[in-house]
Amino acid sequence: MCPVCRDQLSLSDRAWQCVQKHSFDLAKQGYVNLHVVQHKHSKTPGDTAESVAARRNFLLEGYYEPLQQAITALIKQYNIDSILDIGCGEGYYTSAMQRGVSQCIGVDIAKTAIQRAAKTNHDVTWVVGTGAVLPVMNHCIDLCTSLFSPLPLDEISRVLKPQGYCLVVTPAHNHLYNMRAALFDQVTLHEPSKILTQFEADFDVVKQQHLEYDMTLTQHALKDLVAMTPYAYKAKRDKRVALECIDQFAVTASFQIYLFQHRAPTVAICPTAV
């Protein structure tokens, strides 16, 4: 969807164009930037290049592979043909989900993340964009996913097909507790159930799944894990330095997975999503 006039975009000669002649070039890496200046609140929004690189390194080591597998297994249980991954980052989960559907769109506000994602998978439509204006037409998506990302519920409702799904992954109570305890004087347990109240007006809970397992991190993986989280700049420097000096560190990964289905009236469905 054109972020300027909201008409449908079509790809022609390496540019996405609408009937109003708004045009957005396809970058050499294969992504399109639909984050127009009027929607920006900073010059370089989203995760830093350092955070993106750290997350990529950590995920490629396989520490969160059980979560990736749980997500793809859940998607296979439903008749999902199109996915919009909101806040897709560098595309670790997006690429795994894409392999089971006909159309997959990954959108993230961080240009550096999308650039890295586009180099690894050419079958996903990668978009630099904002959740405030999701870059797809109305009622065209079977499943929206938000994995540790913001939840623009009005926009999610707009882009979902009637009775479409939204899959959410959020930290569960004990997620990274030992690491957080080493970085902060006080630690509050995560409360994943608060997400339910956000969805109760327009969505039904279809499935809930709790995934928890222990990990032993190398020093390098521990540094990447800290760098890819907000703890990198929230923690005191001395505590972070002390933690990152540890050769091996035991920590628990704990995730809450929710699958919601939209209670939407029947509407006309558009032919294509982007």
C-alpha atoms as a PDB file:
ATOM      1  CA  MET A   1       0.000   0.000   0.000  1.00  0.00           C
ATOM      2  CA  CYS A   2       1.263   3.467  -0.861  1.00  0.00           C
ATOM      3  CA  PRO A   3       2.143   5.236   2.409  1.00  0.00           C
ATOM      4  CA  VAL A   4       1.266   8.616   0.894  1.00  0.00           C
ATOM      5  CA  CYS A   5      -2.183   8.130  -0.688  1.00  0.00           C
ATOM      6  CA  ARG A   6      -2.997   4.570   0.508  1.00  0.00           C
ATOM      7  CA  ASP A   7      -3.675   3.323  -3.034  1.00  0.00           C
ATOM      8  CA  GLN A   8      -2.353  -0.048  -4.140  1.00  0.00           C
ATOM      9  CA  LEU A   9       1.277  -0.293  -5.218  1.00  0.00           C
ATOM     10  CA  SER A  10       2.422  -2.404  -8.160  1.00  0.00           C
ATOM     11  CA  LEU A  11       5.988  -3.478  -8.916  1.00  0.00           C
ATOM     12  CA  SER A  12       7.288  -2.344 -12.302  1.00  0.00           C
ATOM     13  CA  ASP A  13      10.896  -1.900 -13.475  1.00  0.00           C
ATOM     14  CA  ARG A  14      12.301  -2.239  -9.942  1.00  0.00           C
ATOM     15  CA  ALA A  15       9.960   0.369  -8.488  1.00  0.00           C
ATOM     16  CA  TRP A  16       6.705   0.125  -6.557  1.00  0.00           C
ATOM     17  CA  GLN A  17       4.224   2.621  -8.020  1.00  0.00           C
ATOM     18  CA  CYS A  18       0.603   3.611  -7.442  1.00  0.00           C
ATOM     19  CA  VAL A  19      -1.916   5.202  -9.821  1.00  0.00           C
ATOM     20  CA  GLN A  20      -1.154   8.581  -8.257  1.00  0.00           C
ATOM     21  CA  LYS A  21       2.444   8.191  -9.569  1.00  0.00           C
ATOM     22  CA  HIS A  22       4.039   7.915  -6.143  1.00  0.00           C
ATOM     23  CA  SER A  23       7.093   5.752  -6.711  1.00  0.00           C
ATOM     24  CA  PHE A  24       9.397   3.821  -4.378  1.00  0.00           C
ATOM     25  CA  ASP A  25      12.541   2.241  -5.796  1.00  0.00           C
ATOM     26  CA  LEU A  26      13.544  -1.315  -5.048  1.00  0.00           C
ATOM     27  CA  ALA A  27      16.958  -1.187  -3.386  1.00  0.00           C
ATOM     28  CA  LYS A  28      19.801  -3.281  -4.766  1.00  0.00           C
ATOM     29  CA  GLN A  29      19.455  -5.625  -1.780  1.00  0.00           C
ATOM     30  CA  GLY A  30      15.832  -6.261  -2.802  1.00  0.00           C
ATOM     31  CA  TYR A  31      13.809  -4.301  -0.233  1.00  0.00           C
ATOM     32  CA  VAL A  32      11.611  -1.213  -0.564  1.00  0.00           C
ATOM     33  CA  ASN A  33      11.582   1.763   1.798  1.00  0.00           C
ATOM     34  CA  LEU A  34       8.000   2.885   2.483  1.00  0.00           C
ATOM     35  CA  HIS A  35       8.835   4.812   5.653  1.00  0.00           C
ATOM     36  CA  VAL A  36       8.125   8.302   4.378  1.00  0.00           C
ATOM     37  CA  VAL A  37       9.486  11.345   6.147  1.00  0.00           C
ATOM     38  CA  GLN A  38       6.099  12.481   7.484  1.00  0.00           C
ATOM     39  CA  HIS A  39       5.887   9.248   9.508  1.00  0.00           C
ATOM     40  CA  LYS A  40       9.379   9.518  10.998  1.00  0.00           C
ATOM     41  CA  HIS A  41      10.127  10.717  14.519  1.00  0.00           C
ATOM     42  CA  SER A  42      13.926  10.437  14.231  1.00  0.00           C
ATOM     43  CA  LYS A  43      16.580  10.352  11.533  1.00  0.00           C
ATOM     44  CA  THR A  44      17.488   6.697  12.113  1.00  0.00           C
ATOM     45  CA  PRO A  45      14.514   5.022  13.849  1.00  0.00           C
ATOM     46  CA  GLY A  46      14.528   1.499  15.200  1.00  0.00           C
ATOM     47  CA  ASP A  47      17.340  -0.731  16.394  1.00  0.00           C
ATOM     48  CA  THR A  48      20.935   0.363  15.996  1.00  0.00           C
ATOM     49  CA  ALA A  49      23.289  -1.413  13.603  1.00  0.00           C
ATOM     50  CA  GLU A  50      25.122  -2.826  16.634  1.00  0.00           C
ATOM     51  CA  SER A  51      21.928  -4.283  18.079  1.00  0.00           C
ATOM     52  CA  VAL A  52      20.897  -5.782  14.726  1.00  0.00           C
ATOM     53  CA  ALA A  53      24.301  -7.425  14.223  1.00  0.00           C
ATOM     54  CA  ALA A  54      24.315  -8.802  17.776  1.00  0.00           C
ATOM     55  CA  ARG A  55      20.836 -10.280  17.391  1.00  0.00           C
ATOM     56  CA  ARG A  56      21.763 -11.868  14.078  1.00  0.00           C
ATOM     57  CA  ASN A  57      24.876 -13.445  15.579  1.00  0.00           C
ATOM     58  CA  PHE A  58      23.003 -14.724  18.634  1.00  0.00           C
ATOM     59  CA  LEU A  59      20.098 -16.203  16.675  1.00  0.00           C
ATOM     60  CA  LEU A  60      22.368 -17.944  14.174  1.00  0.00           C
ATOM     61  CA  GLU A  61      23.946 -19.815  17.097  1.00  0.00           C
ATOM     62  CA  GLY A  62      20.568 -21.548  17.542  1.00  0.00           C
ATOM     63  CA  TYR A  63      19.760 -20.454  21.091  1.00  0.00           C
ATOM     64  CA  TYR A  64      16.206 -19.474  20.122  1.00  0.00           C
ATOM     65  CA  GLU A  65      15.699 -22.252  17.582  1.00  0.00           C
ATOM     66  CA  PRO A  66      13.126 -24.021  19.810  1.00  0.00           C
ATOM     67  CA  LEU A  67      10.995 -20.877  19.618  1.00  0.00           C
ATOM     68  CA  GLN A  68      11.405 -20.662  15.863  1.00  0.00           C
ATOM     69  CA  GLN A  69      10.288 -24.287  15.547  1.00  0.00           C
ATOM     70  CA  ALA A  70       7.302 -23.776  17.855  1.00  0.00           C
ATOM     71  CA  ILE A  71       6.133 -20.825  15.777  1.00  0.00           C
ATOM     72  CA  THR A  72       6.374 -22.619  12.441  1.00  0.00           C
ATOM     73  CA  ALA A  73       4.687 -25.724  13.860  1.00  0.00           C
ATOM     74  CA  LEU A  74       1.779 -23.628  15.095  1.00  0.00           C
ATOM     75  CA  ILE A  75       1.353 -21.901  11.737  1.00  0.00           C
ATOM     76  CA  LYS A  76       1.196 -25.262   9.957  1.00  0.00           C
ATOM     77  CA  GLN A  77      -1.920 -26.165  11.954  1.00  0.00           C
ATOM     78  CA  TYR A  78      -3.943 -23.402  10.294  1.00  0.00           C
ATOM     79  CA  ASN A  79      -4.806 -22.530   6.708  1.00  0.00           C
ATOM     80  CA  ILE A  80      -2.304 -19.688   6.377  1.00  0.00           C
ATOM     81  CA  ASP A  81      -1.456 -18.429   2.900  1.00  0.00           C
ATOM     82  CA  SER A  82      -0.151 -14.911   3.620  1.00  0.00           C
ATOM     83  CA  ILE A  83       1.860 -13.531   6.558  1.00  0.00           C
ATOM     84  CA  LEU A  84       2.797 -10.012   7.604  1.00  0.00           C
ATOM     85  CA  ASP A  85       5.607 -10.060  10.165  1.00  0.00           C
ATOM     86  CA  ILE A  86       5.528  -6.767  12.095  1.00  0.00           C
ATOM     87  CA  GLY A  87       8.889  -5.736  13.526  1.00  0.00           C
ATOM     88  CA  CYS A  88      10.635  -8.524  11.640  1.00  0.00           C
ATOM     89  CA  GLY A  89      14.157  -7.327  12.417  1.00  0.00           C
ATOM     90  CA  GLU A  90      16.845  -9.116  10.443  1.00  0.00           C
ATOM     91  CA  GLY A  91      14.363 -11.827   9.424  1.00  0.00           C
ATOM     92  CA  TYR A  92      15.351 -14.892  11.455  1.00  0.00           C
ATOM     93  CA  TYR A  93      11.760 -15.889  12.241  1.00  0.00           C
ATOM     94  CA  THR A  94      10.293 -14.368   9.069  1.00  0.00           C
ATOM     95  CA  SER A  95      12.339 -16.569   6.767  1.00  0.00           C
ATOM     96  CA  ALA A  96      11.331 -19.682   8.682  1.00  0.00           C
ATOM     97  CA  MET A  97       7.638 -18.741   8.478  1.00  0.00           C
ATOM     98  CA  GLN A  98       7.916 -17.876   4.779  1.00  0.00           C
ATOM     99  CA  ARG A  99       8.829 -21.425   3.830  1.00  0.00           C
ATOM    100  CA  GLY A 100       5.305 -22.617   4.620  1.00  0.00           C
ATOM    101  CA  VAL A 101       3.199 -19.945   2.877  1.00  0.00           C
ATOM    102  CA  SER A 102       2.644 -18.398  -0.549  1.00  0.00           C
ATOM    103  CA  GLN A 103       3.262 -14.778   0.430  1.00  0.00           C
ATOM    104  CA  CYS A 104       5.279 -13.310   3.288  1.00  0.00           C
ATOM    105  CA  ILE A 105       5.963  -9.653   4.013  1.00  0.00           C
ATOM    106  CA  GLY A 106       8.477  -8.532   6.622  1.00  0.00           C
ATOM    107  CA  VAL A 107       8.284  -4.944   7.847  1.00  0.00           C
ATOM    108  CA  ASP A 108      10.580  -3.144  10.261  1.00  0.00           C
ATOM    109  CA  ILE A 109      11.269   0.477  11.050  1.00  0.00           C
ATOM    110  CA  ALA A 110      15.037  -0.130  11.179  1.00  0.00           C
ATOM    111  CA  LYS A 111      16.574   0.172   7.735  1.00  0.00           C
ATOM    112  CA  THR A 112      19.747  -1.632   8.806  1.00  0.00           C
ATOM    113  CA  ALA A 113      17.689  -4.653   9.894  1.00  0.00           C
ATOM    114  CA  ILE A 114      15.778  -4.832   6.602  1.00  0.00           C
ATOM    115  CA  GLN A 115      18.973  -4.463   4.590  1.00  0.00           C
ATOM    116  CA  ARG A 116      20.456  -7.443   6.408  1.00  0.00           C
ATOM    117  CA  ALA A 117      17.238  -9.470   6.045  1.00  0.00           C
ATOM    118  CA  ALA A 118      16.934  -8.809   2.314  1.00  0.00           C
ATOM    119  CA  LYS A 119      20.395 -10.260   1.683  1.00  0.00           C
ATOM    120  CA  THR A 120      19.444 -13.605   3.182  1.00  0.00           C
ATOM    121  CA  ASN A 121      16.033 -14.367   1.645  1.00  0.00           C
ATOM    122  CA  HIS A 122      14.745 -13.146  -1.717  1.00  0.00           C
ATOM    123  CA  ASP A 123      11.345 -14.842  -1.377  1.00  0.00           C
ATOM    124  CA  VAL A 124      10.118 -12.463   1.331  1.00  0.00           C
ATOM    125  CA  THR A 125       8.862  -8.975   0.464  1.00  0.00           C
ATOM    126  CA  TRP A 126      11.003  -6.831   2.770  1.00  0.00           C
ATOM    127  CA  VAL A 127       9.729  -3.372   3.641  1.00  0.00           C
ATOM    128  CA  VAL A 128      11.119  -0.523   5.711  1.00  0.00           C
ATOM    129  CA  GLY A 129       7.956   0.805   7.299  1.00  0.00           C
ATOM    130  CA  THR A 130       6.129   1.657  10.474  1.00  0.00           C
ATOM    131  CA  GLY A 131       3.450  -0.158  12.405  1.00  0.00           C
ATOM    132  CA  ALA A 132       1.535   3.125  12.567  1.00  0.00           C
ATOM    133  CA  VAL A 133       0.744   2.652   8.854  1.00  0.00           C
ATOM    134  CA  LEU A 134       1.268  -0.981   7.906  1.00  0.00           C
ATOM    135  CA  PRO A 135       2.272  -1.136   4.220  1.00  0.00           C
ATOM    136  CA  VAL A 136      -0.477  -3.439   2.960  1.00  0.00           C
ATOM    137  CA  MET A 137      -3.997  -2.979   1.677  1.00  0.00           C
ATOM    138  CA  ASN A 138      -7.134  -3.587   3.726  1.00  0.00           C
ATOM    139  CA  HIS A 139      -8.167  -7.142   4.647  1.00  0.00           C
ATOM    140  CA  CYS A 140      -5.472  -8.978   2.681  1.00  0.00           C
ATOM    141  CA  ILE A 141      -3.477 -10.892   5.289  1.00  0.00           C
ATOM    142  CA  ASP A 142      -4.227 -14.292   6.843  1.00  0.00           C
ATOM    143  CA  LEU A 143      -1.806 -13.902   9.737  1.00  0.00           C
ATOM    144  CA  CYS A 144      -0.045 -10.948  11.348  1.00  0.00           C
ATOM    145  CA  THR A 145       2.858 -11.810  13.624  1.00  0.00           C
ATOM    146  CA  SER A 146       4.461  -9.670  16.318  1.00  0.00           C
ATOM    147  CA  LEU A 147       7.412 -11.328  18.013  1.00  0.00           C
ATOM    148  CA  PHE A 148       8.670  -9.119  20.852  1.00  0.00           C
ATOM    149  CA  SER A 149       7.417  -6.150  18.815  1.00  0.00           C
ATOM    150  CA  PRO A 150       4.784  -3.407  19.186  1.00  0.00           C
ATOM    151  CA  LEU A 151       1.128  -4.224  18.615  1.00  0.00           C
ATOM    152  CA  PRO A 152      -0.624  -1.621  16.413  1.00  0.00           C
ATOM    153  CA  LEU A 153      -4.014  -3.274  16.900  1.00  0.00           C
ATOM    154  CA  ASP A 154      -6.037  -0.857  14.784  1.00  0.00           C
ATOM    155  CA  GLU A 155      -3.717  -1.423  11.837  1.00  0.00           C
ATOM    156  CA  ILE A 156      -3.620  -5.177  12.448  1.00  0.00           C
ATOM    157  CA  SER A 157      -7.425  -5.264  12.344  1.00  0.00           C
ATOM    158  CA  ARG A 158      -7.396  -3.235   9.139  1.00  0.00           C
ATOM    159  CA  VAL A 159      -5.038  -5.517   7.212  1.00  0.00           C
ATOM    160  CA  LEU A 160      -6.352  -8.894   8.413  1.00  0.00           C
ATOM    161  CA  LYS A 161      -8.811 -10.864   6.332  1.00  0.00           C
ATOM    162  CA  PRO A 162     -12.147 -11.634   8.005  1.00  0.00           C
ATOM    163  CA  GLN A 163     -11.453 -13.993  10.900  1.00  0.00           C
ATOM    164  CA  GLY A 164      -7.720 -13.616  10.284  1.00  0.00           C
ATOM    165  CA  TYR A 165      -5.136 -14.435  12.942  1.00  0.00           C
ATOM    166  CA  CYS A 166      -2.539 -12.576  14.981  1.00  0.00           C
ATOM    167  CA  LEU A 167       0.352 -14.474  16.533  1.00  0.00           C
ATOM    168  CA  VAL A 168       2.147 -12.781  19.426  1.00  0.00           C
ATOM    169  CA  VAL A 169       5.294 -13.864  21.260  1.00  0.00           C
ATOM    170  CA  THR A 170       6.233 -12.075  24.463  1.00  0.00           C
ATOM    171  CA  PRO A 171       8.634 -12.797  27.354  1.00  0.00           C
ATOM    172  CA  ALA A 172       7.148 -15.070  30.026  1.00  0.00           C
ATOM    173  CA  HIS A 173       7.703 -14.634  33.773  1.00  0.00           C
ATOM    174  CA  ASN A 174      11.241 -16.008  34.060  1.00  0.00           C
ATOM    175  CA  HIS A 175      12.671 -14.929  30.720  1.00  0.00           C
ATOM    176  CA  LEU A 176      16.392 -14.129  31.111  1.00  0.00           C
ATOM    177  CA  TYR A 177      15.905 -13.700  34.856  1.00  0.00           C
ATOM    178  CA  ASN A 178      19.494 -14.536  35.834  1.00  0.00           C
ATOM    179  CA  MET A 179      20.888 -12.095  33.299  1.00  0.00           C
ATOM    180  CA  ARG A 180      18.559  -9.334  34.402  1.00  0.00           C
ATOM    181  CA  ALA A 181      19.429  -9.982  38.060  1.00  0.00           C
ATOM    182  CA  ALA A 182      23.097  -9.557  37.205  1.00  0.00           C
ATOM    183  CA  LEU A 183      22.431  -6.257  35.434  1.00  0.00           C
ATOM    184  CA  PHE A 184      19.938  -4.567  37.762  1.00  0.00           C
ATOM    185  CA  ASP A 185      19.498  -4.103  41.503  1.00  0.00           C
ATOM    186  CA  GLN A 186      15.802  -4.959  41.285  1.00  0.00           C
ATOM    187  CA  VAL A 187      14.107  -7.316  38.834  1.00  0.00           C
ATOM    188  CA  THR A 188      10.386  -7.460  38.107  1.00  0.00           C
ATOM    189  CA  LEU A 189       8.933 -10.601  36.590  1.00  0.00           C
ATOM    190  CA  HIS A 190       7.401 -10.246  33.157  1.00  0.00           C
ATOM    191  CA  GLU A 191       3.595 -10.285  32.979  1.00  0.00           C
ATOM    192  CA  PRO A 192       2.666 -11.767  29.579  1.00  0.00           C
ATOM    193  CA  SER A 193      -1.038 -12.036  30.407  1.00  0.00           C
ATOM    194  CA  LYS A 194      -1.442  -8.248  30.200  1.00  0.00           C
ATOM    195  CA  ILE A 195      -1.476  -8.677  26.425  1.00  0.00           C
ATOM    196  CA  LEU A 196      -4.816 -10.489  26.704  1.00  0.00           C
ATOM    197  CA  THR A 197      -6.579  -7.310  27.797  1.00  0.00           C
ATOM    198  CA  GLN A 198      -5.351  -5.494  24.691  1.00  0.00           C
ATOM    199  CA  PHE A 199      -6.975  -8.083  22.423  1.00  0.00           C
ATOM    200  CA  GLU A 200     -10.187  -8.888  24.281  1.00  0.00           C
ATOM    201  CA  ALA A 201     -12.365  -6.285  22.537  1.00  0.00           C
ATOM    202  CA  ASP A 202     -11.912  -7.585  18.978  1.00  0.00           C
ATOM    203  CA  PHE A 203     -10.096 -10.935  19.157  1.00  0.00           C
ATOM    204  CA  ASP A 204     -10.646 -14.414  20.555  1.00  0.00           C
ATOM    205  CA  VAL A 205      -7.799 -16.445  22.032  1.00  0.00           C
ATOM    206  CA  VAL A 206      -7.339 -19.513  19.852  1.00  0.00           C
ATOM    207  CA  LYS A 207      -4.261 -20.985  21.484  1.00  0.00           C
ATOM    208  CA  GLN A 208      -1.779 -20.321  24.274  1.00  0.00           C
ATOM    209  CA  GLN A 209       1.598 -21.995  24.592  1.00  0.00           C
ATOM    210  CA  HIS A 210       4.349 -21.589  27.162  1.00  0.00           C
ATOM    211  CA  LEU A 211       7.877 -22.513  26.084  1.00  0.00           C
ATOM    212  CA  GLU A 212      10.719 -22.598  28.617  1.00  0.00           C
ATOM    213  CA  TYR A 213      14.184 -24.111  28.570  1.00  0.00           C
ATOM    214  CA  ASP A 214      17.657 -23.537  30.008  1.00  0.00           C
ATOM    215  CA  MET A 215      20.629 -22.263  28.013  1.00  0.00           C
ATOM    216  CA  THR A 216      24.354 -22.141  28.740  1.00  0.00           C
ATOM    217  CA  LEU A 217      25.813 -19.176  26.892  1.00  0.00           C
ATOM    218  CA  THR A 218      29.384 -18.684  25.809  1.00  0.00           C
ATOM    219  CA  GLN A 219      30.948 -15.346  26.684  1.00  0.00           C
ATOM    220  CA  HIS A 220      30.515 -14.179  23.086  1.00  0.00           C
ATOM    221  CA  ALA A 221      26.835 -15.231  23.002  1.00  0.00           C
ATOM    222  CA  LEU A 222      26.234 -13.521  26.335  1.00  0.00           C
ATOM    223  CA  LYS A 223      27.649 -10.251  24.988  1.00  0.00           C
ATOM    224  CA  ASP A 224      25.436 -10.533  21.893  1.00  0.00           C
ATOM    225  CA  LEU A 225      22.346 -11.250  23.997  1.00  0.00           C
ATOM    226  CA  VAL A 226      22.928  -8.172  26.137  1.00  0.00           C
ATOM    227  CA  ALA A 227      23.648  -6.015  23.077  1.00  0.00           C
ATOM    228  CA  MET A 228      20.455  -7.066  21.279  1.00  0.00           C
ATOM    229  CA  THR A 229      18.197  -6.090  24.187  1.00  0.00           C
ATOM    230  CA  PRO A 230      17.271  -2.739  25.762  1.00  0.00           C
ATOM    231  CA  TYR A 231      19.365  -3.842  28.743  1.00  0.00           C
ATOM    232  CA  ALA A 232      22.430  -2.773  26.760  1.00  0.00           C
ATOM    233  CA  TYR A 233      21.705   0.895  27.507  1.00  0.00           C
ATOM    234  CA  LYS A 234      19.488   0.560  30.590  1.00  0.00           C
ATOM    235  CA  ALA A 235      21.975  -1.322  32.749  1.00  0.00           C
ATOM    236  CA  LYS A 236      24.787   0.356  34.665  1.00  0.00           C
ATOM    237  CA  ARG A 237      28.085   0.098  32.829  1.00  0.00           C
ATOM    238  CA  ASP A 238      29.953  -1.560  35.709  1.00  0.00           C
ATOM    239  CA  LYS A 239      27.344  -4.302  36.029  1.00  0.00           C
ATOM    240  CA  ARG A 240      27.355  -4.940  32.283  1.00  0.00           C
ATOM    241  CA  VAL A 241      31.165  -5.122  32.176  1.00  0.00           C
ATOM    242  CA  ALA A 242      31.234  -7.557  35.112  1.00  0.00           C
ATOM    243  CA  LEU A 243      28.606  -9.800  33.519  1.00  0.00           C
ATOM    244  CA  GLU A 244      30.339  -9.876  30.150  1.00  0.00           C
ATOM    245  CA  CYS A 245      33.561 -11.083  31.786  1.00  0.00           C
ATOM    246  CA  ILE A 246      31.950 -14.436  32.641  1.00  0.00           C
ATOM    247  CA  ASP A 247      33.112 -17.293  30.389  1.00  0.00           C
ATOM    248  CA  GLN A 248      29.890 -19.301  30.605  1.00  0.00           C
ATOM    249  CA  PHE A 249      26.522 -18.183  31.878  1.00  0.00           C
ATOM    250  CA  ALA A 250      23.369 -20.189  32.618  1.00  0.00           C
ATOM    251  CA  VAL A 251      20.069 -18.502  31.868  1.00  0.00           C
ATOM    252  CA  THR A 252      16.459 -19.478  31.215  1.00  0.00           C
ATOM    253  CA  ALA A 253      14.604 -18.675  28.013  1.00  0.00           C
ATOM    254  CA  SER A 254      10.888 -18.379  28.732  1.00  0.00           C
ATOM    255  CA  PHE A 255       8.333 -17.390  26.105  1.00  0.00           C
ATOM    256  CA  GLN A 256       4.564 -17.005  25.990  1.00  0.00           C
ATOM    257  CA  ILE A 257       2.947 -17.618  22.592  1.00  0.00           C
ATOM    258  CA  TYR A 258      -0.582 -16.414  21.884  1.00  0.00           C
ATOM    259  CA  LEU A 259      -2.658 -16.994  18.769  1.00  0.00           C
ATOM    260  CA  PHE A 260      -5.670 -14.691  18.411  1.00  0.00           C
ATOM    261  CA  GLN A 261      -8.456 -14.738  15.824  1.00  0.00           C
ATOM    262  CA  HIS A 262     -10.130 -11.523  14.774  1.00  0.00           C
ATOM    263  CA  ARG A 263     -13.869 -11.162  15.254  1.00  0.00           C
ATOM    264  CA  ALA A 264     -14.392  -9.213  12.041  1.00  0.00           C
ATOM    265  CA  PRO A 265     -17.473  -8.739   9.861  1.00  0.00           C
ATOM    266  CA  THR A 266     -17.366 -10.067   6.327  1.00  0.00           C
ATOM    267  CA  VAL A 267     -15.767  -7.581   3.917  1.00  0.00           C
ATOM    268  CA  ALA A 268     -14.527  -7.544   0.354  1.00  0.00           C
ATOM    269  CA  ILE A 269     -11.039  -8.991   0.040  1.00  0.00           C
ATOM    270  CA  CYS A 270      -8.438  -7.290  -2.111  1.00  0.00           C
ATOM    271  CA  PRO A 271      -6.619  -9.273  -4.826  1.00  0.00           C
ATOM    272  CA  THR A 272      -3.063  -8.565  -3.645  1.00  0.00           C
ATOM    273  CA  ALA A 273      -1.514  -7.435  -0.399  1.00  0.00           C
ATOM    274  CA  VAL A 274       1.219  -4.908  -1.177  1.00  0.00           C
END
